[in-house]
């Protein structure tokens, strides 16, 4: 079997790794071994935090809805239960946006939720 010389591919691999770590601090952007380790760690953090971002945004939306609901005399859980009973089929992302940008509309939603809760 013929011998394989890896020079071209090895240099290409190192060049791509160093290009991806450009802008990192210290040896992480200059030396291949440090750059490779930094890249593995960065990819691990990116993978983890893509999932954590969903968690963080959901927490933020719940906090915003809770604050707006309490201004209208309801807790978050009562508001969400009443909204479900009233047939308001908006997700937390949209409700949070309405709570921040359009208080009058959110007030109407809160009234409908309160009416649905009292009709139980």
PDB file of N, CA and C in Angstrom:
ATOM      1  N   UNK A   1       0.847  -1.181   0.000  1.00  0.00           N
ATOM      2  CA  UNK A   1       0.000   0.000   0.000  1.00  0.00           C
ATOM      3  C   UNK A   1       0.894   1.246   0.000  1.00  0.00           C
ATOM      4  N   UNK A   2       0.464   2.254  -0.728  1.00  0.00           N
ATOM      5  CA  UNK A   2       1.256   3.474  -0.843  1.00  0.00           C
ATOM      6  C   UNK A   2       1.223   4.276   0.448  1.00  0.00           C
ATOM      7  N   UNK A   3       2.297   5.006   0.692  1.00  0.00           N
ATOM      8  CA  UNK A   3       2.401   5.830   1.891  1.00  0.00           C
ATOM      9  C   UNK A   3       1.640   7.140   1.679  1.00  0.00           C
ATOM     10  N   UNK A   4       0.930   7.581   2.741  1.00  0.00           N
ATOM     11  CA  UNK A   4       0.161   8.824   2.652  1.00  0.00           C
ATOM     12  C   UNK A   4       0.933   9.928   3.356  1.00  0.00           C
ATOM     13  N   UNK A   5       1.173  11.004   2.641  1.00  0.00           N
ATOM     14  CA  UNK A   5       1.824  12.164   3.257  1.00  0.00           C
ATOM     15  C   UNK A   5       0.736  13.156   3.664  1.00  0.00           C
ATOM     16  N   UNK A   6       0.760  13.588   4.947  1.00  0.00           N
ATOM     17  CA  UNK A   6      -0.350  14.372   5.491  1.00  0.00           C
ATOM     18  C   UNK A   6      -0.083  15.872   5.514  1.00  0.00           C
ATOM     19  N   UNK A   7       1.010  16.308   4.974  1.00  0.00           N
ATOM     20  CA  UNK A   7       1.411  17.696   5.155  1.00  0.00           C
ATOM     21  C   UNK A   7       0.330  18.701   4.749  1.00  0.00           C
ATOM     22  N   UNK A   8      -0.236  18.538   3.582  1.00  0.00           N
ATOM     23  CA  UNK A   8      -1.211  19.512   3.077  1.00  0.00           C
ATOM     24  C   UNK A   8      -2.448  19.543   3.966  1.00  0.00           C
ATOM     25  N   UNK A   9      -2.995  18.365   4.275  1.00  0.00           N
ATOM     26  CA  UNK A   9      -4.216  18.309   5.076  1.00  0.00           C
ATOM     27  C   UNK A   9      -3.971  18.745   6.513  1.00  0.00           C
ATOM     28  N   UNK A  10      -2.825  18.374   7.072  1.00  0.00           N
ATOM     29  CA  UNK A  10      -2.513  18.759   8.450  1.00  0.00           C
ATOM     30  C   UNK A  10      -2.398  20.272   8.565  1.00  0.00           C
ATOM     31  N   UNK A  11      -1.715  20.888   7.593  1.00  0.00           N
ATOM     32  CA  UNK A  11      -1.572  22.352   7.618  1.00  0.00           C
ATOM     33  C   UNK A  11      -2.925  23.033   7.450  1.00  0.00           C
ATOM     34  N   UNK A  12      -3.761  22.473   6.587  1.00  0.00           N
ATOM     35  CA  UNK A  12      -5.100  23.041   6.365  1.00  0.00           C
ATOM     36  C   UNK A  12      -5.925  22.969   7.654  1.00  0.00           C
ATOM     37  N   UNK A  13      -5.846  21.832   8.341  1.00  0.00           N
ATOM     38  CA  UNK A  13      -6.588  21.636   9.591  1.00  0.00           C
ATOM     39  C   UNK A  13      -6.135  22.636  10.649  1.00  0.00           C
ATOM     40  N   UNK A  14      -4.811  22.799  10.763  1.00  0.00           N
ATOM     41  CA  UNK A  14      -4.288  23.752  11.744  1.00  0.00           C
ATOM     42  C   UNK A  14      -4.674  25.180  11.388  1.00  0.00           C
ATOM     43  N   UNK A  15      -4.603  25.504  10.113  1.00  0.00           N
ATOM     44  CA  UNK A  15      -4.947  26.848   9.657  1.00  0.00           C
ATOM     45  C   UNK A  15      -6.417  27.164   9.964  1.00  0.00           C
ATOM     46  N   UNK A  16      -7.305  26.212   9.739  1.00  0.00           N
ATOM     47  CA  UNK A  16      -8.733  26.419  10.014  1.00  0.00           C
ATOM     48  C   UNK A  16      -8.992  26.592  11.505  1.00  0.00           C
ATOM     49  N   UNK A  17      -8.302  25.789  12.325  1.00  0.00           N
ATOM     50  CA  UNK A  17      -8.461  25.903  13.779  1.00  0.00           C
ATOM     51  C   UNK A  17      -8.002  27.277  14.251  1.00  0.00           C
ATOM     52  N   UNK A  18      -6.844  27.719  13.767  1.00  0.00           N
ATOM     53  CA  UNK A  18      -6.331  29.030  14.175  1.00  0.00           C
ATOM     54  C   UNK A  18      -7.213  30.160  13.649  1.00  0.00           C
ATOM     55  N   UNK A  19      -7.832  29.960  12.490  1.00  0.00           N
ATOM     56  CA  UNK A  19      -8.748  30.980  11.964  1.00  0.00           C
ATOM     57  C   UNK A  19      -9.987  31.090  12.850  1.00  0.00           C
ATOM     58  N   UNK A  20     -10.464  29.937  13.354  1.00  0.00           N
ATOM     59  CA  UNK A  20     -11.655  29.955  14.204  1.00  0.00           C
ATOM     60  C   UNK A  20     -11.386  30.570  15.568  1.00  0.00           C
ATOM     61  N   UNK A  21     -10.145  30.485  16.050  1.00  0.00           N
ATOM     62  CA  UNK A  21      -9.826  31.029  17.367  1.00  0.00           C
ATOM     63  C   UNK A  21      -9.248  32.441  17.278  1.00  0.00           C
ATOM     64  N   UNK A  22      -9.281  33.033  16.113  1.00  0.00           N
ATOM     65  CA  UNK A  22      -8.776  34.395  15.949  1.00  0.00           C
ATOM     66  C   UNK A  22      -9.578  35.326  16.851  1.00  0.00           C
ATOM     67  N   UNK A  23      -8.899  36.160  17.588  1.00  0.00           N
ATOM     68  CA  UNK A  23      -9.568  37.077  18.500  1.00  0.00           C
ATOM     69  C   UNK A  23      -9.602  36.588  19.932  1.00  0.00           C
ATOM     70  N   UNK A  24      -9.226  35.330  20.164  1.00  0.00           N
ATOM     71  CA  UNK A  24      -9.163  34.834  21.539  1.00  0.00           C
ATOM     72  C   UNK A  24      -7.894  35.366  22.202  1.00  0.00           C
ATOM     73  N   UNK A  25      -7.874  35.312  23.526  1.00  0.00           N
ATOM     74  CA  UNK A  25      -6.761  35.868  24.278  1.00  0.00           C
ATOM     75  C   UNK A  25      -5.564  34.934  24.323  1.00  0.00           C
ATOM     76  N   UNK A  26      -4.403  35.526  24.366  1.00  0.00           N
ATOM     77  CA  UNK A  26      -3.163  34.796  24.621  1.00  0.00           C
ATOM     78  C   UNK A  26      -2.847  33.737  23.581  1.00  0.00           C
ATOM     79  N   UNK A  27      -2.326  32.608  24.083  1.00  0.00           N
ATOM     80  CA  UNK A  27      -1.901  31.544  23.188  1.00  0.00           C
ATOM     81  C   UNK A  27      -3.068  30.863  22.479  1.00  0.00           C
ATOM     82  N   UNK A  28      -4.273  31.070  22.971  1.00  0.00           N
ATOM     83  CA  UNK A  28      -5.440  30.407  22.376  1.00  0.00           C
ATOM     84  C   UNK A  28      -5.649  30.822  20.927  1.00  0.00           C
ATOM     85  N   UNK A  29      -5.044  31.916  20.520  1.00  0.00           N
ATOM     86  CA  UNK A  29      -5.195  32.333  19.124  1.00  0.00           C
ATOM     87  C   UNK A  29      -3.896  32.171  18.333  1.00  0.00           C
ATOM     88  N   UNK A  30      -2.826  31.714  19.008  1.00  0.00           N
ATOM     89  CA  UNK A  30      -1.532  31.665  18.336  1.00  0.00           C
ATOM     90  C   UNK A  30      -0.945  30.264  18.212  1.00  0.00           C
ATOM     91  N   UNK A  31      -1.093  29.457  19.255  1.00  0.00           N
ATOM     92  CA  UNK A  31      -0.510  28.112  19.239  1.00  0.00           C
ATOM     93  C   UNK A  31      -1.587  27.085  18.973  1.00  0.00           C
ATOM     94  N   UNK A  32      -1.251  26.116  18.133  1.00  0.00           N
ATOM     95  CA  UNK A  32      -2.261  25.152  17.680  1.00  0.00           C
ATOM     96  C   UNK A  32      -2.845  24.352  18.838  1.00  0.00           C
ATOM     97  N   UNK A  33      -2.008  23.835  19.728  1.00  0.00           N
ATOM     98  CA  UNK A  33      -2.525  22.980  20.797  1.00  0.00           C
ATOM     99  C   UNK A  33      -3.471  23.762  21.706  1.00  0.00           C
ATOM    100  N   UNK A  34      -3.068  24.964  22.097  1.00  0.00           N
ATOM    101  CA  UNK A  34      -3.915  25.799  22.951  1.00  0.00           C
ATOM    102  C   UNK A  34      -5.184  26.204  22.212  1.00  0.00           C
ATOM    103  N   UNK A  35      -5.038  26.500  20.923  1.00  0.00           N
ATOM    104  CA  UNK A  35      -6.187  26.897  20.121  1.00  0.00           C
ATOM    105  C   UNK A  35      -7.189  25.757  20.013  1.00  0.00           C
ATOM    106  N   UNK A  36      -6.674  24.543  19.830  1.00  0.00           N
ATOM    107  CA  UNK A  36      -7.557  23.385  19.707  1.00  0.00           C
ATOM    108  C   UNK A  36      -8.342  23.162  20.997  1.00  0.00           C
ATOM    109  N   UNK A  37      -7.659  23.276  22.138  1.00  0.00           N
ATOM    110  CA  UNK A  37      -8.330  23.105  23.430  1.00  0.00           C
ATOM    111  C   UNK A  37      -9.367  24.206  23.655  1.00  0.00           C
ATOM    112  N   UNK A  38      -9.003  25.439  23.302  1.00  0.00           N
ATOM    113  CA  UNK A  38      -9.931  26.556  23.469  1.00  0.00           C
ATOM    114  C   UNK A  38     -11.166  26.377  22.584  1.00  0.00           C
ATOM    115  N   UNK A  39     -10.951  25.856  21.393  1.00  0.00           N
ATOM    116  CA  UNK A  39     -12.054  25.644  20.465  1.00  0.00           C
ATOM    117  C   UNK A  39     -13.001  24.554  20.964  1.00  0.00           C
ATOM    118  N   UNK A  40     -12.451  23.492  21.515  1.00  0.00           N
ATOM    119  CA  UNK A  40     -13.290  22.421  22.077  1.00  0.00           C
ATOM    120  C   UNK A  40     -14.141  22.975  23.218  1.00  0.00           C
ATOM    121  N   UNK A  41     -13.491  23.762  24.085  1.00  0.00           N
ATOM    122  CA  UNK A  41     -14.211  24.345  25.217  1.00  0.00           C
ATOM    123  C   UNK A  41     -15.284  25.322  24.740  1.00  0.00           C
ATOM    124  N   UNK A  42     -14.943  26.143  23.753  1.00  0.00           N
ATOM    125  CA  UNK A  42     -15.901  27.121  23.229  1.00  0.00           C
ATOM    126  C   UNK A  42     -17.107  26.418  22.612  1.00  0.00           C
ATOM    127  N   UNK A  43     -16.865  25.338  21.880  1.00  0.00           N
ATOM    128  CA  UNK A  43     -17.965  24.593  21.269  1.00  0.00           C
ATOM    129  C   UNK A  43     -18.857  23.956  22.326  1.00  0.00           C
ATOM    130  N   UNK A  44     -18.235  23.486  23.414  1.00  0.00           N
ATOM    131  CA  UNK A  44     -19.003  22.888  24.514  1.00  0.00           C
ATOM    132  C   UNK A  44     -19.912  23.931  25.149  1.00  0.00           C
ATOM    133  N   UNK A  45     -19.347  25.117  25.407  1.00  0.00           N
ATOM    134  CA  UNK A  45     -20.151  26.190  25.991  1.00  0.00           C
ATOM    135  C   UNK A  45     -21.275  26.608  25.047  1.00  0.00           C
ATOM    136  N   UNK A  46     -20.969  26.695  23.758  1.00  0.00           N
ATOM    137  CA  UNK A  46     -21.985  27.120  22.793  1.00  0.00           C
ATOM    138  C   UNK A  46     -23.139  26.131  22.748  1.00  0.00           C
ATOM    139  N   UNK A  47     -22.812  24.837  22.762  1.00  0.00           N
ATOM    140  CA  UNK A  47     -23.842  23.797  22.735  1.00  0.00           C
ATOM    141  C   UNK A  47     -24.717  23.894  23.982  1.00  0.00           C
ATOM    142  N   UNK A  48     -24.058  24.001  25.145  1.00  0.00           N
ATOM    143  CA  UNK A  48     -24.798  24.083  26.408  1.00  0.00           C
ATOM    144  C   UNK A  48     -25.686  25.320  26.446  1.00  0.00           C
ATOM    145  N   UNK A  49     -25.131  26.455  26.034  1.00  0.00           N
ATOM    146  CA  UNK A  49     -25.849  27.716  26.184  1.00  0.00           C
ATOM    147  C   UNK A  49     -26.944  27.923  25.153  1.00  0.00           C
ATOM    148  N   UNK A  50     -26.909  27.182  24.058  1.00  0.00           N
ATOM    149  CA  UNK A  50     -28.058  27.229  23.143  1.00  0.00           C
ATOM    150  C   UNK A  50     -29.289  26.683  23.845  1.00  0.00           C
ATOM    151  N   UNK A  51     -29.098  25.710  24.717  1.00  0.00           N
ATOM    152  CA  UNK A  51     -30.211  25.173  25.484  1.00  0.00           C
ATOM    153  C   UNK A  51     -30.574  26.085  26.656  1.00  0.00           C
ATOM    154  N   UNK A  52     -29.559  26.626  27.317  1.00  0.00           N
ATOM    155  CA  UNK A  52     -29.816  27.521  28.453  1.00  0.00           C
ATOM    156  C   UNK A  52     -30.531  28.804  28.027  1.00  0.00           C
ATOM    157  N   UNK A  53     -30.274  29.259  26.790  1.00  0.00           N
ATOM    158  CA  UNK A  53     -30.919  30.489  26.311  1.00  0.00           C
ATOM    159  C   UNK A  53     -32.437  30.325  26.283  1.00  0.00           C
ATOM    160  N   UNK A  54     -32.910  29.157  25.879  1.00  0.00           N
ATOM    161  CA  UNK A  54     -34.354  28.898  25.860  1.00  0.00           C
ATOM    162  C   UNK A  54     -34.930  28.981  27.273  1.00  0.00           C
ATOM    163  N   UNK A  55     -34.187  28.403  28.233  1.00  0.00           N
ATOM    164  CA  UNK A  55     -34.585  28.427  29.633  1.00  0.00           C
ATOM    165  C   UNK A  55     -34.625  29.861  30.153  1.00  0.00           C
ATOM    166  N   UNK A  56     -33.580  30.640  29.828  1.00  0.00           N
ATOM    167  CA  UNK A  56     -33.481  32.017  30.320  1.00  0.00           C
ATOM    168  C   UNK A  56     -34.600  32.896  29.757  1.00  0.00           C
ATOM    169  N   UNK A  57     -34.901  32.733  28.475  1.00  0.00           N
ATOM    170  CA  UNK A  57     -35.951  33.553  27.882  1.00  0.00           C
ATOM    171  C   UNK A  57     -37.314  33.205  28.460  1.00  0.00           C
ATOM    172  N   UNK A  58     -37.571  31.923  28.691  1.00  0.00           N
ATOM    173  CA  UNK A  58     -38.847  31.535  29.298  1.00  0.00           C
ATOM    174  C   UNK A  58     -38.985  32.172  30.684  1.00  0.00           C
ATOM    175  N   UNK A  59     -37.895  32.166  31.489  1.00  0.00           N
ATOM    176  CA  UNK A  59     -37.926  32.796  32.806  1.00  0.00           C
ATOM    177  C   UNK A  59     -38.228  34.294  32.686  1.00  0.00           C
ATOM    178  N   UNK A  60     -37.604  34.939  31.706  1.00  0.00           N
ATOM    179  CA  UNK A  60     -37.817  36.374  31.501  1.00  0.00           C
ATOM    180  C   UNK A  60     -39.272  36.667  31.136  1.00  0.00           C
ATOM    181  N   UNK A  61     -39.829  35.866  30.221  1.00  0.00           N
ATOM    182  CA  UNK A  61     -41.218  36.074  29.815  1.00  0.00           C
ATOM    183  C   UNK A  61     -42.167  35.895  30.997  1.00  0.00           C
ATOM    184  N   UNK A  62     -41.912  34.890  31.825  1.00  0.00           N
ATOM    185  CA  UNK A  62     -42.769  34.647  32.990  1.00  0.00           C
ATOM    186  C   UNK A  62     -42.683  35.819  33.965  1.00  0.00           C
ATOM    187  N   UNK A  63     -41.481  36.364  34.169  1.00  0.00           N
ATOM    188  CA  UNK A  63     -41.330  37.513  35.070  1.00  0.00           C
ATOM    189  C   UNK A  63     -42.101  38.717  34.553  1.00  0.00           C
ATOM    190  N   UNK A  64     -42.029  38.956  33.249  1.00  0.00           N
ATOM    191  CA  UNK A  64     -42.732  40.115  32.671  1.00  0.00           C
ATOM    192  C   UNK A  64     -44.237  39.955  32.756  1.00  0.00           C
ATOM    193  N   UNK A  65     -44.729  38.752  32.464  1.00  0.00           N
ATOM    194  CA  UNK A  65     -46.173  38.501  32.549  1.00  0.00           C
ATOM    195  C   UNK A  65     -46.627  38.635  33.993  1.00  0.00           C
ATOM    196  N   UNK A  66     -45.851  38.115  34.926  1.00  0.00           N
ATOM    197  CA  UNK A  66     -46.194  38.180  36.348  1.00  0.00           C
ATOM    198  C   UNK A  66     -46.283  39.635  36.803  1.00  0.00           C
ATOM    199  N   UNK A  67     -45.315  40.458  36.409  1.00  0.00           N
ATOM    200  CA  UNK A  67     -45.325  41.875  36.812  1.00  0.00           C
ATOM    201  C   UNK A  67     -46.563  42.583  36.262  1.00  0.00           C
ATOM    202  N   UNK A  68     -46.890  42.332  34.999  1.00  0.00           N
ATOM    203  CA  UNK A  68     -48.054  42.981  34.399  1.00  0.00           C
ATOM    204  C   UNK A  68     -49.351  42.442  35.003  1.00  0.00           C
ATOM    205  N   UNK A  69     -49.402  41.147  35.294  1.00  0.00           N
ATOM    206  CA  UNK A  69     -50.611  40.561  35.885  1.00  0.00           C
ATOM    207  C   UNK A  69     -50.850  41.135  37.278  1.00  0.00           C
ATOM    208  N   UNK A  70     -49.780  41.290  38.044  1.00  0.00           N
ATOM    209  CA  UNK A  70     -49.928  41.832  39.405  1.00  0.00           C
ATOM    210  C   UNK A  70     -50.378  43.287  39.386  1.00  0.00           C
ATOM    211  N   UNK A  71     -50.010  44.042  38.364  1.00  0.00           N
ATOM    212  CA  UNK A  71     -50.512  45.411  38.229  1.00  0.00           C
ATOM    213  C   UNK A  71     -52.013  45.408  37.977  1.00  0.00           C
ATOM    214  N   UNK A  72     -52.508  44.298  37.454  1.00  0.00           N
ATOM    215  CA  UNK A  72     -53.935  44.164  37.189  1.00  0.00           C
ATOM    216  C   UNK A  72     -54.639  43.303  38.237  1.00  0.00           C
ATOM    217  N   UNK A  73     -53.983  43.074  39.356  1.00  0.00           N
ATOM    218  CA  UNK A  73     -54.628  42.401  40.477  1.00  0.00           C
ATOM    219  C   UNK A  73     -54.692  40.889  40.398  1.00  0.00           C
ATOM    220  N   UNK A  74     -53.847  40.269  39.606  1.00  0.00           N
ATOM    221  CA  UNK A  74     -53.816  38.812  39.493  1.00  0.00           C
ATOM    222  C   UNK A  74     -52.381  38.321  39.682  1.00  0.00           C
ATOM    223  N   UNK A  75     -52.240  37.106  40.196  1.00  0.00           N
ATOM    224  CA  UNK A  75     -50.912  36.499  40.204  1.00  0.00           C
ATOM    225  C   UNK A  75     -50.674  35.867  38.837  1.00  0.00           C
ATOM    226  N   UNK A  76     -49.432  35.474  38.595  1.00  0.00           N
ATOM    227  CA  UNK A  76     -49.093  34.852  37.312  1.00  0.00           C
ATOM    228  C   UNK A  76     -49.902  33.580  37.091  1.00  0.00           C
ATOM    229  N   UNK A  77     -49.959  32.739  38.124  1.00  0.00           N
ATOM    230  CA  UNK A  77     -50.629  31.449  37.952  1.00  0.00           C
ATOM    231  C   UNK A  77     -52.126  31.631  37.727  1.00  0.00           C
ATOM    232  N   UNK A  78     -52.723  32.561  38.452  1.00  0.00           N
ATOM    233  CA  UNK A  78     -54.163  32.813  38.261  1.00  0.00           C
ATOM    234  C   UNK A  78     -54.421  33.411  36.879  1.00  0.00           C
ATOM    235  N   UNK A  79     -53.549  34.317  36.462  1.00  0.00           N
ATOM    236  CA  UNK A  79     -53.717  34.906  35.130  1.00  0.00           C
ATOM    237  C   UNK A  79     -53.627  33.844  34.046  1.00  0.00           C
ATOM    238  N   UNK A  80     -52.617  32.979  34.132  1.00  0.00           N
ATOM    239  CA  UNK A  80     -52.438  31.958  33.092  1.00  0.00           C
ATOM    240  C   UNK A  80     -53.594  30.959  33.101  1.00  0.00           C
ATOM    241  N   UNK A  81     -54.063  30.592  34.290  1.00  0.00           N
ATOM    242  CA  UNK A  81     -55.190  29.668  34.374  1.00  0.00           C
ATOM    243  C   UNK A  81     -56.448  30.315  33.792  1.00  0.00           C
ATOM    244  N   UNK A  82     -56.671  31.582  34.164  1.00  0.00           N
ATOM    245  CA  UNK A  82     -57.832  32.300  33.628  1.00  0.00           C
ATOM    246  C   UNK A  82     -57.739  32.498  32.125  1.00  0.00           C
ATOM    247  N   UNK A  83     -56.544  32.783  31.627  1.00  0.00           N
ATOM    248  CA  UNK A  83     -56.363  32.959  30.182  1.00  0.00           C
ATOM    249  C   UNK A  83     -56.652  31.660  29.442  1.00  0.00           C
ATOM    250  N   UNK A  84     -56.237  30.548  30.019  1.00  0.00           N
ATOM    251  CA  UNK A  84     -56.524  29.249  29.399  1.00  0.00           C
ATOM    252  C   UNK A  84     -58.028  28.991  29.388  1.00  0.00           C
ATOM    253  N   UNK A  85     -58.711  29.283  30.506  1.00  0.00           N
ATOM    254  CA  UNK A  85     -60.164  29.095  30.592  1.00  0.00           C
ATOM    255  C   UNK A  85     -60.893  30.018  29.619  1.00  0.00           C
ATOM    256  N   UNK A  86     -60.357  31.250  29.439  1.00  0.00           N
ATOM    257  CA  UNK A  86     -60.993  32.235  28.568  1.00  0.00           C
ATOM    258  C   UNK A  86     -60.713  31.955  27.094  1.00  0.00           C
ATOM    259  N   UNK A  87     -59.822  31.008  26.819  1.00  0.00           N
ATOM    260  CA  UNK A  87     -59.529  30.662  25.430  1.00  0.00           C
ATOM    261  C   UNK A  87     -58.509  31.570  24.776  1.00  0.00           C
ATOM    262  N   UNK A  88     -57.698  32.247  25.578  1.00  0.00           N
ATOM    263  CA  UNK A  88     -56.619  33.083  25.041  1.00  0.00           C
ATOM    264  C   UNK A  88     -55.461  32.152  24.711  1.00  0.00           C
ATOM    265  N   UNK A  89     -55.226  31.923  23.437  1.00  0.00           N
ATOM    266  CA  UNK A  89     -54.222  30.940  23.027  1.00  0.00           C
ATOM    267  C   UNK A  89     -52.935  31.609  22.555  1.00  0.00           C
ATOM    268  N   UNK A  90     -52.419  32.519  23.363  1.00  0.00           N
ATOM    269  CA  UNK A  90     -51.149  33.165  23.052  1.00  0.00           C
ATOM    270  C   UNK A  90     -50.064  32.552  23.925  1.00  0.00           C
ATOM    271  N   UNK A  91     -48.880  32.386  23.360  1.00  0.00           N
ATOM    272  CA  UNK A  91     -47.795  31.824  24.149  1.00  0.00           C
ATOM    273  C   UNK A  91     -47.161  32.900  25.038  1.00  0.00           C
ATOM    274  N   UNK A  92     -46.271  32.471  25.905  1.00  0.00           N
ATOM    275  CA  UNK A  92     -45.671  33.390  26.868  1.00  0.00           C
ATOM    276  C   UNK A  92     -44.847  34.476  26.199  1.00  0.00           C
ATOM    277  N   UNK A  93     -44.211  34.151  25.086  1.00  0.00           N
ATOM    278  CA  UNK A  93     -43.390  35.137  24.380  1.00  0.00           C
ATOM    279  C   UNK A  93     -44.247  36.314  23.920  1.00  0.00           C
ATOM    280  N   UNK A  94     -45.376  36.012  23.315  1.00  0.00           N
ATOM    281  CA  UNK A  94     -46.259  37.066  22.803  1.00  0.00           C
ATOM    282  C   UNK A  94     -46.915  37.817  23.960  1.00  0.00           C
ATOM    283  N   UNK A  95     -47.360  37.092  24.981  1.00  0.00           N
ATOM    284  CA  UNK A  95     -47.971  37.753  26.135  1.00  0.00           C
ATOM    285  C   UNK A  95     -46.992  38.709  26.817  1.00  0.00           C
ATOM    286  N   UNK A  96     -45.723  38.292  26.934  1.00  0.00           N
ATOM    287  CA  UNK A  96     -44.713  39.150  27.552  1.00  0.00           C
ATOM    288  C   UNK A  96     -44.485  40.403  26.713  1.00  0.00           C
ATOM    289  N   UNK A  97     -44.474  40.253  25.393  1.00  0.00           N
ATOM    290  CA  UNK A  97     -44.283  41.402  24.512  1.00  0.00           C
ATOM    291  C   UNK A  97     -45.458  42.370  24.638  1.00  0.00           C
ATOM    292  N   UNK A  98     -46.667  41.827  24.695  1.00  0.00           N
ATOM    293  CA  UNK A  98     -47.855  42.676  24.875  1.00  0.00           C
ATOM    294  C   UNK A  98     -47.804  43.364  26.237  1.00  0.00           C
ATOM    295  N   UNK A  99     -47.373  42.645  27.268  1.00  0.00           N
ATOM    296  CA  UNK A  99     -47.295  43.216  28.615  1.00  0.00           C
ATOM    297  C   UNK A  99     -46.349  44.404  28.660  1.00  0.00           C
ATOM    298  N   UNK A 100     -45.255  44.325  27.891  1.00  0.00           N
ATOM    299  CA  UNK A 100     -44.265  45.401  27.909  1.00  0.00           C
ATOM    300  C   UNK A 100     -44.684  46.573  27.025  1.00  0.00           C
ATOM    301  N   UNK A 101     -45.210  46.277  25.835  1.00  0.00           N
ATOM    302  CA  UNK A 101     -45.432  47.324  24.842  1.00  0.00           C
ATOM    303  C   UNK A 101     -46.864  47.833  24.721  1.00  0.00           C
ATOM    304  N   UNK A 102     -47.855  47.075  25.201  1.00  0.00           N
ATOM    305  CA  UNK A 102     -49.251  47.481  25.007  1.00  0.00           C
ATOM    306  C   UNK A 102     -50.051  47.146  26.261  1.00  0.00           C
ATOM    307  N   UNK A 103     -49.997  48.039  27.240  1.00  0.00           N
ATOM    308  CA  UNK A 103     -50.619  47.769  28.529  1.00  0.00           C
ATOM    309  C   UNK A 103     -52.140  47.680  28.442  1.00  0.00           C
ATOM    310  N   UNK A 104     -52.746  48.452  27.556  1.00  0.00           N
ATOM    311  CA  UNK A 104     -54.202  48.433  27.434  1.00  0.00           C
ATOM    312  C   UNK A 104     -54.697  47.069  26.966  1.00  0.00           C
ATOM    313  N   UNK A 105     -54.024  46.491  25.994  1.00  0.00           N
ATOM    314  CA  UNK A 105     -54.408  45.172  25.502  1.00  0.00           C
ATOM    315  C   UNK A 105     -54.209  44.122  26.595  1.00  0.00           C
ATOM    316  N   UNK A 106     -53.101  44.205  27.328  1.00  0.00           N
ATOM    317  CA  UNK A 106     -52.868  43.243  28.399  1.00  0.00           C
ATOM    318  C   UNK A 106     -53.922  43.386  29.481  1.00  0.00           C
ATOM    319  N   UNK A 107     -54.359  44.616  29.742  1.00  0.00           N
ATOM    320  CA  UNK A 107     -55.415  44.846  30.739  1.00  0.00           C
ATOM    321  C   UNK A 107     -56.702  44.141  30.318  1.00  0.00           C
ATOM    322  N   UNK A 108     -57.022  44.186  29.013  1.00  0.00           N
ATOM    323  CA  UNK A 108     -58.213  43.485  28.509  1.00  0.00           C
ATOM    324  C   UNK A 108     -58.076  41.977  28.674  1.00  0.00           C
ATOM    325  N   UNK A 109     -56.869  41.461  28.408  1.00  0.00           N
ATOM    326  CA  UNK A 109     -56.631  40.024  28.614  1.00  0.00           C
ATOM    327  C   UNK A 109     -56.823  39.667  30.087  1.00  0.00           C
ATOM    328  N   UNK A 110     -56.310  40.513  30.986  1.00  0.00           N
ATOM    329  CA  UNK A 110     -56.435  40.251  32.417  1.00  0.00           C
ATOM    330  C   UNK A 110     -57.904  40.263  32.839  1.00  0.00           C
ATOM    331  N   UNK A 111     -58.683  41.183  32.285  1.00  0.00           N
ATOM    332  CA  UNK A 111     -60.120  41.227  32.599  1.00  0.00           C
ATOM    333  C   UNK A 111     -60.822  39.960  32.138  1.00  0.00           C
ATOM    334  N   UNK A 112     -60.497  39.508  30.923  1.00  0.00           N
ATOM    335  CA  UNK A 112     -61.097  38.267  30.413  1.00  0.00           C
ATOM    336  C   UNK A 112     -60.688  37.071  31.266  1.00  0.00           C
ATOM    337  N   UNK A 113     -59.450  37.059  31.705  1.00  0.00           N
ATOM    338  CA  UNK A 113     -58.976  35.965  32.555  1.00  0.00           C
ATOM    339  C   UNK A 113     -59.701  35.989  33.896  1.00  0.00           C
ATOM    340  N   UNK A 114     -59.890  37.184  34.453  1.00  0.00           N
ATOM    341  CA  UNK A 114     -60.596  37.321  35.744  1.00  0.00           C
ATOM    342  C   UNK A 114     -62.042  36.861  35.623  1.00  0.00           C
ATOM    343  N   UNK A 115     -62.686  37.238  34.511  1.00  0.00           N
ATOM    344  CA  UNK A 115     -64.085  36.821  34.296  1.00  0.00           C
ATOM    345  C   UNK A 115     -64.184  35.301  34.156  1.00  0.00           C
ATOM    346  N   UNK A 116     -63.240  34.706  33.454  1.00  0.00           N
ATOM    347  CA  UNK A 116     -63.246  33.255  33.276  1.00  0.00           C
ATOM    348  C   UNK A 116     -63.035  32.547  34.620  1.00  0.00           C
ATOM    349  N   UNK A 117     -62.201  33.121  35.484  1.00  0.00           N
ATOM    350  CA  UNK A 117     -61.961  32.528  36.796  1.00  0.00           C
ATOM    351  C   UNK A 117     -63.194  32.635  37.685  1.00  0.00           C
ATOM    352  N   UNK A 118     -63.898  33.759  37.613  1.00  0.00           N
ATOM    353  CA  UNK A 118     -65.093  33.946  38.467  1.00  0.00           C
ATOM    354  C   UNK A 118     -66.264  33.107  37.954  1.00  0.00           C
ATOM    355  N   UNK A 119     -66.252  32.706  36.691  1.00  0.00           N
ATOM    356  CA  UNK A 119     -67.343  31.907  36.132  1.00  0.00           C
ATOM    357  C   UNK A 119     -67.237  30.435  36.513  1.00  0.00           C
ATOM    358  N   UNK A 120     -66.106  30.041  37.148  1.00  0.00           N
ATOM    359  CA  UNK A 120     -65.927  28.642  37.533  1.00  0.00           C
ATOM    360  C   UNK A 120     -66.954  28.172  38.501  1.00  0.00           C
TER     361      UNK A 120
END
